[in-house]
PDB file of N, CA and C in Angstrom:
ATOM      1  N   THR A   1      -1.026-106.842 109.014  1.00  0.00           N
ATOM      2  CA  THR A   1      -0.530-106.729 110.257  1.00  0.00           C
ATOM      3  C   THR A   1      -0.620-105.409 110.941  1.00  0.00           C
ATOM      4  N   ILE A   2      -1.301-105.217 112.184  1.00  0.00           N
ATOM      5  CA  ILE A   2      -1.440-103.794 112.829  1.00  0.00           C
ATOM      6  C   ILE A   2      -0.322-103.715 113.647  1.00  0.00           C
ATOM      7  N   VAL A   3       0.245-102.548 113.578  1.00  0.00           N
ATOM      8  CA  VAL A   3       1.369-102.290 114.497  1.00  0.00           C
ATOM      9  C   VAL A   3       1.044-101.171 115.401  1.00  0.00           C
ATOM     10  N   VAL A   4       1.434-101.543 116.645  1.00  0.00           N
ATOM     11  CA  VAL A   4       1.029-100.443 117.762  1.00  0.00           C
ATOM     12  C   VAL A   4       2.143 -99.365 117.828  1.00  0.00           C
ATOM     13  N   PHE A   5       1.805 -98.224 117.750  1.00  0.00           N
ATOM     14  CA  PHE A   5       2.826 -97.180 117.881  1.00  0.00           C
ATOM     15  C   PHE A   5       2.664 -96.230 119.198  1.00  0.00           C
ATOM     16  N   VAL A   6       2.449 -96.987 120.296  1.00  0.00           N
ATOM     17  CA  VAL A   6       2.280 -96.117 121.599  1.00  0.00           C
ATOM     18  C   VAL A   6       3.286 -95.373 121.914  1.00  0.00           C
ATOM     19  N   ILE A   7       4.500 -95.585 121.464  1.00  0.00           N
ATOM     20  CA  ILE A   7       5.463 -94.626 121.894  1.00  0.00           C
ATOM     21  C   ILE A   7       5.265 -93.114 121.331  1.00  0.00           C
ATOM     22  N   LEU A   8       4.375 -93.117 120.223  1.00  0.00           N
ATOM     23  CA  LEU A   8       4.180 -91.715 119.595  1.00  0.00           C
ATOM     24  C   LEU A   8       2.959 -91.191 119.937  1.00  0.00           C
ATOM     25  N   VAL A   9       1.772 -91.858 119.910  1.00  0.00           N
ATOM     26  CA  VAL A   9       0.577 -91.374 120.253  1.00  0.00           C
ATOM     27  C   VAL A   9      -0.474 -92.297 121.148  1.00  0.00           C
ATOM     28  N   ALA A  10      -0.105 -93.334 121.534  1.00  0.00           N
ATOM     29  CA  ALA A  10      -1.022 -94.320 122.210  1.00  0.00           C
ATOM     30  C   ALA A  10      -2.176 -94.635 121.255  1.00  0.00           C
ATOM     31  N   ALA A  11      -1.650 -95.228 120.203  1.00  0.00           N
ATOM     32  CA  ALA A  11      -2.713 -95.555 119.211  1.00  0.00           C
ATOM     33  C   ALA A  11      -2.223 -96.758 118.482  1.00  0.00           C
ATOM     34  N   THR A  12      -3.002 -97.422 117.676  1.00  0.00           N
ATOM     35  CA  THR A  12      -2.618 -98.440 116.834  1.00  0.00           C
ATOM     36  C   THR A  12      -2.720 -98.038 115.291  1.00  0.00           C
ATOM     37  N   GLY A  13      -1.890 -98.382 114.431  1.00  0.00           N
ATOM     38  CA  GLY A  13      -1.941 -97.943 113.056  1.00  0.00           C
ATOM     39  C   GLY A  13      -1.373 -99.185 112.079  1.00  0.00           C
ATOM     40  N   ILE A  14      -1.642 -98.824 110.759  1.00  0.00           N
ATOM     41  CA  ILE A  14      -1.192 -99.713 109.768  1.00  0.00           C
ATOM     42  C   ILE A  14      -0.861 -98.951 108.483  1.00  0.00           C
ATOM     43  N   ALA A  15       0.237 -99.447 107.791  1.00  0.00           N
ATOM     44  CA  ALA A  15       0.490 -98.556 106.478  1.00  0.00           C
ATOM     45  C   ALA A  15      -0.517 -98.927 105.516  1.00  0.00           C
ATOM     46  N   VAL A  16      -0.959 -97.774 104.921  1.00  0.00           N
ATOM     47  CA  VAL A  16      -1.844 -97.808 103.753  1.00  0.00           C
ATOM     48  C   VAL A  16      -1.491 -98.885 102.741  1.00  0.00           C
ATOM     49  N   SER A  17      -0.162 -98.863 102.419  1.00  0.00           N
ATOM     50  CA  SER A  17       0.356 -99.942 101.261  1.00  0.00           C
ATOM     51  C   SER A  17       0.003-101.386 101.618  1.00  0.00           C
ATOM     52  N   ASN A  18      -0.384-101.586 103.007  1.00  0.00           N
ATOM     53  CA  ASN A  18      -0.865-103.136 103.209  1.00  0.00           C
ATOM     54  C   ASN A  18      -2.180-103.329 102.903  1.00  0.00           C
ATOM     55  N   TYR A  19      -2.909-102.337 102.358  1.00  0.00           N
ATOM     56  CA  TYR A  19      -4.332-102.530 101.935  1.00  0.00           C
ATOM     57  C   TYR A  19      -4.512-101.922 100.682  1.00  0.00           C
ATOM     58  N   ALA A  20      -4.167-102.692  99.436  1.00  0.00           N
ATOM     59  CA  ALA A  20      -4.321-102.072  98.198  1.00  0.00           C
ATOM     60  C   ALA A  20      -5.645-101.640  97.858  1.00  0.00           C
ATOM     61  N   GLU A  21      -6.592-102.488  98.273  1.00  0.00           N
ATOM     62  CA  GLU A  21      -8.076-102.246  97.988  1.00  0.00           C
ATOM     63  C   GLU A  21      -8.661-100.882  98.567  1.00  0.00           C
ATOM     64  N   PHE A  22      -8.133-100.935  99.860  1.00  0.00           N
ATOM     65  CA  PHE A  22      -8.544 -99.745 100.675  1.00  0.00           C
ATOM     66  C   PHE A  22      -7.754 -98.412  99.985  1.00  0.00           C
ATOM     67  N   ALA A  23      -6.599 -98.581  99.777  1.00  0.00           N
ATOM     68  CA  ALA A  23      -5.892 -97.396  98.989  1.00  0.00           C
ATOM     69  C   ALA A  23      -6.689 -97.035  97.818  1.00  0.00           C
ATOM     70  N   GLN A  24      -6.929 -97.999  96.912  1.00  0.00           N
ATOM     71  CA  GLN A  24      -7.549 -97.574  95.654  1.00  0.00           C
ATOM     72  C   GLN A  24      -8.979 -97.128  95.877  1.00  0.00           C
ATOM     73  N   GLN A  25      -9.592 -97.591  96.853  1.00  0.00           N
ATOM     74  CA  GLN A  25     -11.179 -96.999  96.996  1.00  0.00           C
ATOM     75  C   GLN A  25     -11.130 -95.631  97.361  1.00  0.00           C
ATOM     76  N   TYR A  26     -10.146 -95.248  98.182  1.00  0.00           N
ATOM     77  CA  TYR A  26      -9.994 -93.920  98.955  1.00  0.00           C
ATOM     78  C   TYR A  26      -9.012 -93.105  98.204  1.00  0.00           C
ATOM     79  N   GLN A  27      -8.279 -93.328  97.243  1.00  0.00           N
ATOM     80  CA  GLN A  27      -7.133 -92.965  96.487  1.00  0.00           C
ATOM     81  C   GLN A  27      -6.043 -92.213  97.440  1.00  0.00           C
ATOM     82  N   ILE A  28      -5.824 -93.204  98.201  1.00  0.00           N
ATOM     83  CA  ILE A  28      -4.673 -92.817  99.232  1.00  0.00           C
ATOM     84  C   ILE A  28      -3.480 -93.730  99.004  1.00  0.00           C
ATOM     85  N   VAL A  29      -2.316 -93.117  98.528  1.00  0.00           N
ATOM     86  CA  VAL A  29      -1.227 -94.107  98.259  1.00  0.00           C
ATOM     87  C   VAL A  29      -0.115 -94.288  99.334  1.00  0.00           C
ATOM     88  N   SER A  30      -0.112 -93.502 100.336  1.00  0.00           N
ATOM     89  CA  SER A  30       0.848 -93.714 101.409  1.00  0.00           C
ATOM     90  C   SER A  30       0.288 -93.143 102.602  1.00  0.00           C
ATOM     91  N   GLY A  31       0.969 -93.340 103.708  1.00  0.00           N
ATOM     92  CA  GLY A  31       0.645 -93.060 104.964  1.00  0.00           C
ATOM     93  C   GLY A  31       0.450 -94.110 106.035  1.00  0.00           C
ATOM     94  N   VAL A  32       0.092 -93.814 107.107  1.00  0.00           N
ATOM     95  CA  VAL A  32      -0.154 -94.768 108.287  1.00  0.00           C
ATOM     96  C   VAL A  32      -1.576 -94.477 108.651  1.00  0.00           C
ATOM     97  N   ILE A  33      -2.596 -95.548 108.565  1.00  0.00           N
ATOM     98  CA  ILE A  33      -3.907 -95.282 108.900  1.00  0.00           C
ATOM     99  C   ILE A  33      -3.990 -95.575 110.547  1.00  0.00           C
ATOM    100  N   VAL A  34      -4.527 -94.564 111.298  1.00  0.00           N
ATOM    101  CA  VAL A  34      -4.743 -94.619 112.702  1.00  0.00           C
ATOM    102  C   VAL A  34      -5.979 -95.609 112.941  1.00  0.00           C
ATOM    103  N   ILE A  35      -5.639 -96.829 113.463  1.00  0.00           N
ATOM    104  CA  ILE A  35      -6.866 -97.826 113.590  1.00  0.00           C
ATOM    105  C   ILE A  35      -7.696 -97.513 114.815  1.00  0.00           C
ATOM    106  N   SER A  36      -7.018 -97.213 115.997  1.00  0.00           N
ATOM    107  CA  SER A  36      -7.615 -96.766 117.190  1.00  0.00           C
ATOM    108  C   SER A  36      -6.782 -95.887 118.076  1.00  0.00           C
ATOM    109  N   VAL A  37      -7.448 -95.188 118.888  1.00  0.00           N
ATOM    110  CA  VAL A  37      -6.703 -94.098 119.790  1.00  0.00           C
ATOM    111  C   VAL A  37      -6.869 -94.496 121.368  1.00  0.00           C
ATOM    112  N   MET A  38      -5.956 -94.442 122.089  1.00  0.00           N
ATOM    113  CA  MET A  38      -6.184 -94.885 123.632  1.00  0.00           C
ATOM    114  C   MET A  38      -6.888 -93.775 124.325  1.00  0.00           C
ATOM    115  N   GLU A  39      -7.905 -94.017 124.850  1.00  0.00           N
ATOM    116  CA  GLU A  39      -8.385 -92.945 125.744  1.00  0.00           C
ATOM    117  C   GLU A  39      -7.694 -92.254 126.667  1.00  0.00           C
ATOM    118  N   GLY A  40      -7.511 -90.928 126.819  1.00  0.00           N
ATOM    119  CA  GLY A  40      -6.605 -90.271 127.703  1.00  0.00           C
ATOM    120  C   GLY A  40      -5.256 -90.195 127.095  1.00  0.00           C
ATOM    121  N   GLY A  41      -4.840 -90.876 125.980  1.00  0.00           N
ATOM    122  CA  GLY A  41      -3.444 -90.902 125.794  1.00  0.00           C
ATOM    123  C   GLY A  41      -3.127 -89.683 124.924  1.00  0.00           C
ATOM    124  N   PRO A  42      -1.672 -89.480 124.312  1.00  0.00           N
ATOM    125  CA  PRO A  42      -1.455 -88.361 123.559  1.00  0.00           C
ATOM    126  C   PRO A  42      -2.179 -88.188 122.252  1.00  0.00           C
ATOM    127  N   ALA A  43      -2.549 -89.243 121.638  1.00  0.00           N
ATOM    128  CA  ALA A  43      -3.330 -89.212 120.411  1.00  0.00           C
ATOM    129  C   ALA A  43      -4.581 -88.385 120.490  1.00  0.00           C
ATOM    130  N   VAL A  44      -5.277 -88.757 121.696  1.00  0.00           N
ATOM    131  CA  VAL A  44      -6.652 -88.266 121.831  1.00  0.00           C
ATOM    132  C   VAL A  44      -6.306 -86.454 122.229  1.00  0.00           C
ATOM    133  N   LYS A  45      -5.280 -86.383 123.053  1.00  0.00           N
ATOM    134  CA  LYS A  45      -4.904 -84.977 123.448  1.00  0.00           C
ATOM    135  C   LYS A  45      -4.729 -84.045 122.187  1.00  0.00           C
ATOM    136  N   ALA A  46      -3.876 -84.863 121.220  1.00  0.00           N
ATOM    137  CA  ALA A  46      -3.475 -83.961 119.968  1.00  0.00           C
ATOM    138  C   ALA A  46      -4.698 -83.960 119.082  1.00  0.00           C
ATOM    139  N   GLY A  47      -5.762 -84.522 119.436  1.00  0.00           N
ATOM    140  CA  GLY A  47      -6.945 -84.549 118.477  1.00  0.00           C
ATOM    141  C   GLY A  47      -7.130 -85.526 117.215  1.00  0.00           C
ATOM    142  N   LEU A  48      -6.219 -86.562 117.445  1.00  0.00           N
ATOM    143  CA  LEU A  48      -6.208 -87.695 116.315  1.00  0.00           C
ATOM    144  C   LEU A  48      -7.416 -88.467 116.641  1.00  0.00           C
ATOM    145  N   GLN A  49      -7.803 -88.985 115.507  1.00  0.00           N
ATOM    146  CA  GLN A  49      -9.153 -89.834 115.550  1.00  0.00           C
ATOM    147  C   GLN A  49      -8.719 -91.146 114.693  1.00  0.00           C
ATOM    148  N   ALA A  50      -9.502 -92.256 115.069  1.00  0.00           N
ATOM    149  CA  ALA A  50      -9.398 -93.467 114.426  1.00  0.00           C
ATOM    150  C   ALA A  50      -9.842 -93.215 112.793  1.00  0.00           C
ATOM    151  N   TYR A  51      -9.008 -93.691 112.004  1.00  0.00           N
ATOM    152  CA  TYR A  51      -9.202 -93.643 110.493  1.00  0.00           C
ATOM    153  C   TYR A  51      -8.547 -92.375 109.918  1.00  0.00           C
ATOM    154  N   ASP A  52      -7.863 -91.582 110.817  1.00  0.00           N
ATOM    155  CA  ASP A  52      -6.929 -90.558 110.131  1.00  0.00           C
ATOM    156  C   ASP A  52      -5.867 -91.247 109.518  1.00  0.00           C
ATOM    157  N   VAL A  53      -5.232 -90.592 108.576  1.00  0.00           N
ATOM    158  CA  VAL A  53      -4.036 -91.164 107.782  1.00  0.00           C
ATOM    159  C   VAL A  53      -3.029 -90.211 108.045  1.00  0.00           C
ATOM    160  N   ILE A  54      -1.836 -90.622 108.717  1.00  0.00           N
ATOM    161  CA  ILE A  54      -0.754 -89.752 108.862  1.00  0.00           C
ATOM    162  C   ILE A  54      -0.002 -89.718 107.752  1.00  0.00           C
ATOM    163  N   LEU A  55       0.241 -88.451 107.143  1.00  0.00           N
ATOM    164  CA  LEU A  55       0.704 -88.278 105.752  1.00  0.00           C
ATOM    165  C   LEU A  55       2.017 -87.689 106.034  1.00  0.00           C
ATOM    166  N   SER A  56       2.483 -86.882 106.920  1.00  0.00           N
ATOM    167  CA  SER A  56       3.782 -86.348 107.278  1.00  0.00           C
ATOM    168  C   SER A  56       3.899 -86.078 108.723  1.00  0.00           C
ATOM    169  N   PHE A  57       5.304 -86.043 109.086  1.00  0.00           N
ATOM    170  CA  PHE A  57       5.757 -85.756 110.453  1.00  0.00           C
ATOM    171  C   PHE A  57       6.739 -84.822 110.381  1.00  0.00           C
ATOM    172  N   ASP A  58       6.707 -83.777 110.913  1.00  0.00           N
ATOM    173  CA  ASP A  58       7.459 -82.463 110.946  1.00  0.00           C
ATOM    174  C   ASP A  58       8.070 -82.275 109.502  1.00  0.00           C
ATOM    175  N   GLY A  59       7.307 -82.354 108.737  1.00  0.00           N
ATOM    176  CA  GLY A  59       7.594 -81.980 107.310  1.00  0.00           C
ATOM    177  C   GLY A  59       8.012 -83.124 106.307  1.00  0.00           C
ATOM    178  N   LYS A  60       8.219 -84.457 107.025  1.00  0.00           N
ATOM    179  CA  LYS A  60       8.801 -85.641 106.192  1.00  0.00           C
ATOM    180  C   LYS A  60       7.608 -86.351 105.811  1.00  0.00           C
ATOM    181  N   THR A  61       7.636 -86.699 104.596  1.00  0.00           N
ATOM    182  CA  THR A  61       6.619 -87.548 104.119  1.00  0.00           C
ATOM    183  C   THR A  61       6.654 -88.860 104.669  1.00  0.00           C
ATOM    184  N   ILE A  62       5.390 -89.466 105.081  1.00  0.00           N
ATOM    185  CA  ILE A  62       5.400 -90.741 105.667  1.00  0.00           C
ATOM    186  C   ILE A  62       4.627 -91.689 104.622  1.00  0.00           C
ATOM    187  N   ASP A  63       5.470 -92.588 104.217  1.00  0.00           N
ATOM    188  CA  ASP A  63       4.925 -93.395 103.127  1.00  0.00           C
ATOM    189  C   ASP A  63       4.657 -94.693 103.767  1.00  0.00           C
ATOM    190  N   ASP A  64       5.052 -95.139 104.921  1.00  0.00           N
ATOM    191  CA  ASP A  64       4.782 -96.464 105.553  1.00  0.00           C
ATOM    192  C   ASP A  64       5.099 -96.406 107.028  1.00  0.00           C
ATOM    193  N   PHE A  65       5.011 -97.494 107.680  1.00  0.00           N
ATOM    194  CA  PHE A  65       5.235 -97.483 109.162  1.00  0.00           C
ATOM    195  C   PHE A  65       6.847 -97.432 109.470  1.00  0.00           C
ATOM    196  N   ASP A  66       7.538 -97.797 108.580  1.00  0.00           N
ATOM    197  CA  ASP A  66       9.056 -97.596 108.961  1.00  0.00           C
ATOM    198  C   ASP A  66       9.528 -96.193 108.826  1.00  0.00           C
ATOM    199  N   ASP A  67       8.819 -95.327 107.947  1.00  0.00           N
ATOM    200  CA  ASP A  67       9.095 -93.748 107.847  1.00  0.00           C
ATOM    201  C   ASP A  67       8.484 -93.138 109.097  1.00  0.00           C
ATOM    202  N   LEU A  68       7.402 -93.659 109.674  1.00  0.00           N
ATOM    203  CA  LEU A  68       6.828 -92.957 110.772  1.00  0.00           C
ATOM    204  C   LEU A  68       7.759 -93.384 112.213  1.00  0.00           C
ATOM    205  N   THR A  69       8.314 -94.701 112.093  1.00  0.00           N
ATOM    206  CA  THR A  69       9.100 -94.912 113.119  1.00  0.00           C
ATOM    207  C   THR A  69      10.428 -94.318 113.271  1.00  0.00           C
ATOM    208  N   ALA A  70      11.081 -94.141 112.146  1.00  0.00           N
ATOM    209  CA  ALA A  70      12.207 -93.398 112.004  1.00  0.00           C
ATOM    210  C   ALA A  70      11.898 -91.793 112.303  1.00  0.00           C
ATOM    211  N   ALA A  71      10.962 -91.407 111.987  1.00  0.00           N
ATOM    212  CA  ALA A  71      10.703 -90.027 112.259  1.00  0.00           C
ATOM    213  C   ALA A  71      10.597 -89.801 113.766  1.00  0.00           C
ATOM    214  N   ILE A  72      10.047 -90.668 114.339  1.00  0.00           N
ATOM    215  CA  ILE A  72       9.703 -90.641 115.972  1.00  0.00           C
ATOM    216  C   ILE A  72      11.062 -90.760 116.677  1.00  0.00           C
ATOM    217  N   ASN A  73      11.923 -91.671 116.068  1.00  0.00           N
ATOM    218  CA  ASN A  73      13.033 -91.895 116.868  1.00  0.00           C
ATOM    219  C   ASN A  73      14.026 -90.719 116.657  1.00  0.00           C
ATOM    220  N   ASP A  74      14.047 -89.944 115.588  1.00  0.00           N
ATOM    221  CA  ASP A  74      14.738 -88.914 115.150  1.00  0.00           C
ATOM    222  C   ASP A  74      14.559 -87.787 116.238  1.00  0.00           C
ATOM    223  N   ALA A  75      13.122 -87.646 116.327  1.00  0.00           N
ATOM    224  CA  ALA A  75      12.627 -86.647 117.050  1.00  0.00           C
ATOM    225  C   ALA A  75      12.916 -86.678 118.695  1.00  0.00           C
ATOM    226  N   GLY A  76      12.728 -87.928 119.119  1.00  0.00           N
ATOM    227  CA  GLY A  76      12.940 -88.178 120.473  1.00  0.00           C
ATOM    228  C   GLY A  76      11.813 -87.997 121.513  1.00  0.00           C
ATOM    229  N   ILE A  77      11.821 -88.686 122.606  1.00  0.00           N
ATOM    230  CA  ILE A  77      10.946 -88.546 123.614  1.00  0.00           C
ATOM    231  C   ILE A  77      10.894 -87.252 124.149  1.00  0.00           C
ATOM    232  N   GLY A  78       9.660 -86.705 124.353  1.00  0.00           N
ATOM    233  CA  GLY A  78       9.443 -85.334 124.891  1.00  0.00           C
ATOM    234  C   GLY A  78       9.463 -84.127 123.980  1.00  0.00           C
ATOM    235  N   SER A  79       9.771 -84.462 122.673  1.00  0.00           N
ATOM    236  CA  SER A  79       9.734 -83.371 121.652  1.00  0.00           C
ATOM    237  C   SER A  79       8.357 -83.326 121.112  1.00  0.00           C
ATOM    238  N   ARG A  80       7.969 -82.144 120.542  1.00  0.00           N
ATOM    239  CA  ARG A  80       6.734 -81.974 119.942  1.00  0.00           C
ATOM    240  C   ARG A  80       6.980 -81.993 118.464  1.00  0.00           C
ATOM    241  N   ALA A  81       6.138 -82.418 117.865  1.00  0.00           N
ATOM    242  CA  ALA A  81       6.168 -82.560 116.268  1.00  0.00           C
ATOM    243  C   ALA A  81       4.594 -82.207 115.691  1.00  0.00           C
ATOM    244  N   GLU A  82       4.865 -81.499 114.483  1.00  0.00           N
ATOM    245  CA  GLU A  82       3.663 -81.459 113.568  1.00  0.00           C
ATOM    246  C   GLU A  82       3.360 -82.449 112.729  1.00  0.00           C
ATOM    247  N   ILE A  83       2.093 -82.975 112.791  1.00  0.00           N
ATOM    248  CA  ILE A  83       1.853 -84.178 111.773  1.00  0.00           C
ATOM    249  C   ILE A  83       0.530 -83.594 110.882  1.00  0.00           C
ATOM    250  N   GLU A  84       0.773 -83.980 109.732  1.00  0.00           N
ATOM    251  CA  GLU A  84      -0.488 -83.664 108.705  1.00  0.00           C
ATOM    252  C   GLU A  84      -1.232 -85.095 108.729  1.00  0.00           C
ATOM    253  N   VAL A  85      -2.357 -84.860 108.839  1.00  0.00           N
ATOM    254  CA  VAL A  85      -3.387 -86.210 108.581  1.00  0.00           C
ATOM    255  C   VAL A  85      -4.477 -85.837 107.704  1.00  0.00           C
ATOM    256  N   LEU A  86      -4.845 -86.979 107.059  1.00  0.00           N
ATOM    257  CA  LEU A  86      -5.912 -86.853 106.090  1.00  0.00           C
ATOM    258  C   LEU A  86      -7.152 -87.396 106.746  1.00  0.00           C
ATOM    259  N   ARG A  87      -8.291 -86.662 106.772  1.00  0.00           N
ATOM    260  CA  ARG A  87      -9.513 -86.967 107.565  1.00  0.00           C
ATOM    261  C   ARG A  87     -10.691 -86.669 106.693  1.00  0.00           C
ATOM    262  N   GLY A  88     -11.656 -87.560 107.066  1.00  0.00           N
ATOM    263  CA  GLY A  88     -12.947 -87.408 106.317  1.00  0.00           C
ATOM    264  C   GLY A  88     -13.118 -88.070 105.005  1.00  0.00           C
ATOM    265  N   TYR A  89     -12.198 -88.763 104.465  1.00  0.00           N
ATOM    266  CA  TYR A  89     -12.037 -89.465 103.108  1.00  0.00           C
ATOM    267  C   TYR A  89     -13.248 -90.576 103.082  1.00  0.00           C
ATOM    268  N   GLN A  90     -13.714 -90.973 104.135  1.00  0.00           N
ATOM    269  CA  GLN A  90     -14.639 -92.146 104.059  1.00  0.00           C
ATOM    270  C   GLN A  90     -16.035 -91.329 103.891  1.00  0.00           C
ATOM    271  N   GLU A  91     -16.114 -90.125 104.187  1.00  0.00           N
ATOM    272  CA  GLU A  91     -17.533 -89.439 103.940  1.00  0.00           C
ATOM    273  C   GLU A  91     -17.521 -88.859 102.584  1.00  0.00           C
ATOM    274  N   GLY A  92     -16.257 -88.803 101.890  1.00  0.00           N
ATOM    275  CA  GLY A  92     -16.337 -88.217 100.572  1.00  0.00           C
ATOM    276  C   GLY A  92     -15.952 -86.825 100.638  1.00  0.00           C
ATOM    277  N   GLU A  93     -15.521 -86.196 101.834  1.00  0.00           N
ATOM    278  CA  GLU A  93     -15.224 -84.847 101.846  1.00  0.00           C
ATOM    279  C   GLU A  93     -13.619 -84.859 102.774  1.00  0.00           C
ATOM    280  N   PRO A  94     -12.636 -85.318 101.919  1.00  0.00           N
ATOM    281  CA  PRO A  94     -11.352 -85.378 102.708  1.00  0.00           C
ATOM    282  C   PRO A  94     -10.724 -84.081 102.697  1.00  0.00           C
ATOM    283  N   GLN A  95     -10.052 -83.922 103.933  1.00  0.00           N
ATOM    284  CA  GLN A  95      -9.340 -82.555 104.160  1.00  0.00           C
ATOM    285  C   GLN A  95      -8.090 -83.078 104.946  1.00  0.00           C
ATOM    286  N   ILE A  96      -7.018 -82.235 104.937  1.00  0.00           N
ATOM    287  CA  ILE A  96      -5.748 -82.404 105.513  1.00  0.00           C
ATOM    288  C   ILE A  96      -5.951 -81.501 106.621  1.00  0.00           C
ATOM    289  N   VAL A  97      -5.501 -81.928 107.782  1.00  0.00           N
ATOM    290  CA  VAL A  97      -5.530 -81.205 109.034  1.00  0.00           C
ATOM    291  C   VAL A  97      -4.015 -81.334 109.813  1.00  0.00           C
ATOM    292  N   THR A  98      -3.586 -80.388 110.299  1.00  0.00           N
ATOM    293  CA  THR A  98      -2.130 -80.341 111.018  1.00  0.00           C
ATOM    294  C   THR A  98      -2.529 -80.428 112.649  1.00  0.00           C
ATOM    295  N   LYS A  99      -1.981 -81.457 113.048  1.00  0.00           N
ATOM    296  CA  LYS A  99      -1.878 -81.569 114.574  1.00  0.00           C
ATOM    297  C   LYS A  99      -0.553 -81.588 115.228  1.00  0.00           C
ATOM    298  N   THR A 100      -0.556 -80.874 116.442  1.00  0.00           N
ATOM    299  CA  THR A 100       0.859 -81.096 117.062  1.00  0.00           C
ATOM    300  C   THR A 100       0.623 -81.971 118.278  1.00  0.00           C
ATOM    301  N   ILE A 101       1.755 -82.968 118.272  1.00  0.00           N
ATOM    302  CA  ILE A 101       1.874 -84.011 119.089  1.00  0.00           C
ATOM    303  C   ILE A 101       3.033 -83.710 119.994  1.00  0.00           C
ATOM    304  N   THR A 102       3.013 -84.441 121.244  1.00  0.00           N
ATOM    305  CA  THR A 102       4.234 -84.690 122.112  1.00  0.00           C
ATOM    306  C   THR A 102       4.420 -86.125 122.153  1.00  0.00           C
ATOM    307  N   ILE A 103       5.750 -86.404 121.857  1.00  0.00           N
ATOM    308  CA  ILE A 103       6.034 -87.839 121.810  1.00  0.00           C
ATOM    309  C   ILE A 103       6.437 -88.349 123.377  1.00  0.00           C
ATOM    310  N   ALA A 104       5.733 -89.335 123.676  1.00  0.00           N
ATOM    311  CA  ALA A 104       5.696 -89.788 124.885  1.00  0.00           C
ATOM    312  C   ALA A 104       6.254 -91.305 125.151  1.00  0.00           C
ATOM    313  N   GLU A 105       6.807 -91.563 126.230  1.00  0.00           N
ATOM    314  CA  GLU A 105       7.264 -93.077 126.376  1.00  0.00           C
ATOM    315  C   GLU A 105       5.988 -93.768 126.383  1.00  0.00           C
ATOM    316  N   LYS A 106       6.229 -95.256 126.249  1.00  0.00           N
ATOM    317  CA  LYS A 106       5.267 -96.110 126.224  1.00  0.00           C
ATOM    318  C   LYS A 106       4.853 -96.223 127.598  1.00  0.00           C
ATOM    319  N   ASP A 107       3.618 -96.168 128.005  1.00  0.00           N
ATOM    320  CA  ASP A 107       3.105 -96.429 129.483  1.00  0.00           C
ATOM    321  C   ASP A 107       2.796 -97.940 129.483  1.00  0.00           C
ATOM    322  N   THR A 108       3.615 -98.745 130.222  1.00  0.00           N
ATOM    323  CA  THR A 108       3.635-100.099 130.363  1.00  0.00           C
ATOM    324  C   THR A 108       2.429-100.636 131.250  1.00  0.00           C
ATOM    325  N   THR A 109       1.850 -99.517 132.184  1.00  0.00           N
ATOM    326  CA  THR A 109       0.722 -99.782 133.072  1.00  0.00           C
ATOM    327  C   THR A 109      -0.411-100.178 132.169  1.00  0.00           C
ATOM    328  N   GLY A 110      -0.623 -99.640 130.934  1.00  0.00           N
ATOM    329  CA  GLY A 110      -1.817 -99.832 130.112  1.00  0.00           C
ATOM    330  C   GLY A 110      -3.028 -98.742 130.544  1.00  0.00           C
ATOM    331  N   ARG A 111      -2.585 -97.662 131.260  1.00  0.00           N
ATOM    332  CA  ARG A 111      -3.543 -96.703 131.783  1.00  0.00           C
ATOM    333  C   ARG A 111      -3.316 -95.455 130.865  1.00  0.00           C
ATOM    334  N   ARG A 112      -2.524 -95.416 129.961  1.00  0.00           N
ATOM    335  CA  ARG A 112      -2.627 -94.004 128.956  1.00  0.00           C
ATOM    336  C   ARG A 112      -2.581 -94.587 127.607  1.00  0.00           C
TER     337      ARG A 112
END
């Protein structure tokens, strides 16, 4: 199941735990994989890329989508948060990068 979390970053994502084979191949045990980012949305502005794995949100470990949703709800619309993402694991050169995002409301027009 792919879950859209547009309220956070105008992107789609899925919990690593939903893909045991993927997790084993890349040695990732938790987090939310960013499947895609919406052009011009907060995810792009924050520098998120498809296949980044969100590992933490404002210092809170993100094990799955429920953790990410709770962290977003706790922070609230308009607040800024630091997230840690795992990037480059598919190329064999994984790195953890920190990004600052602003939590935005879902754009129901589909333009963001």
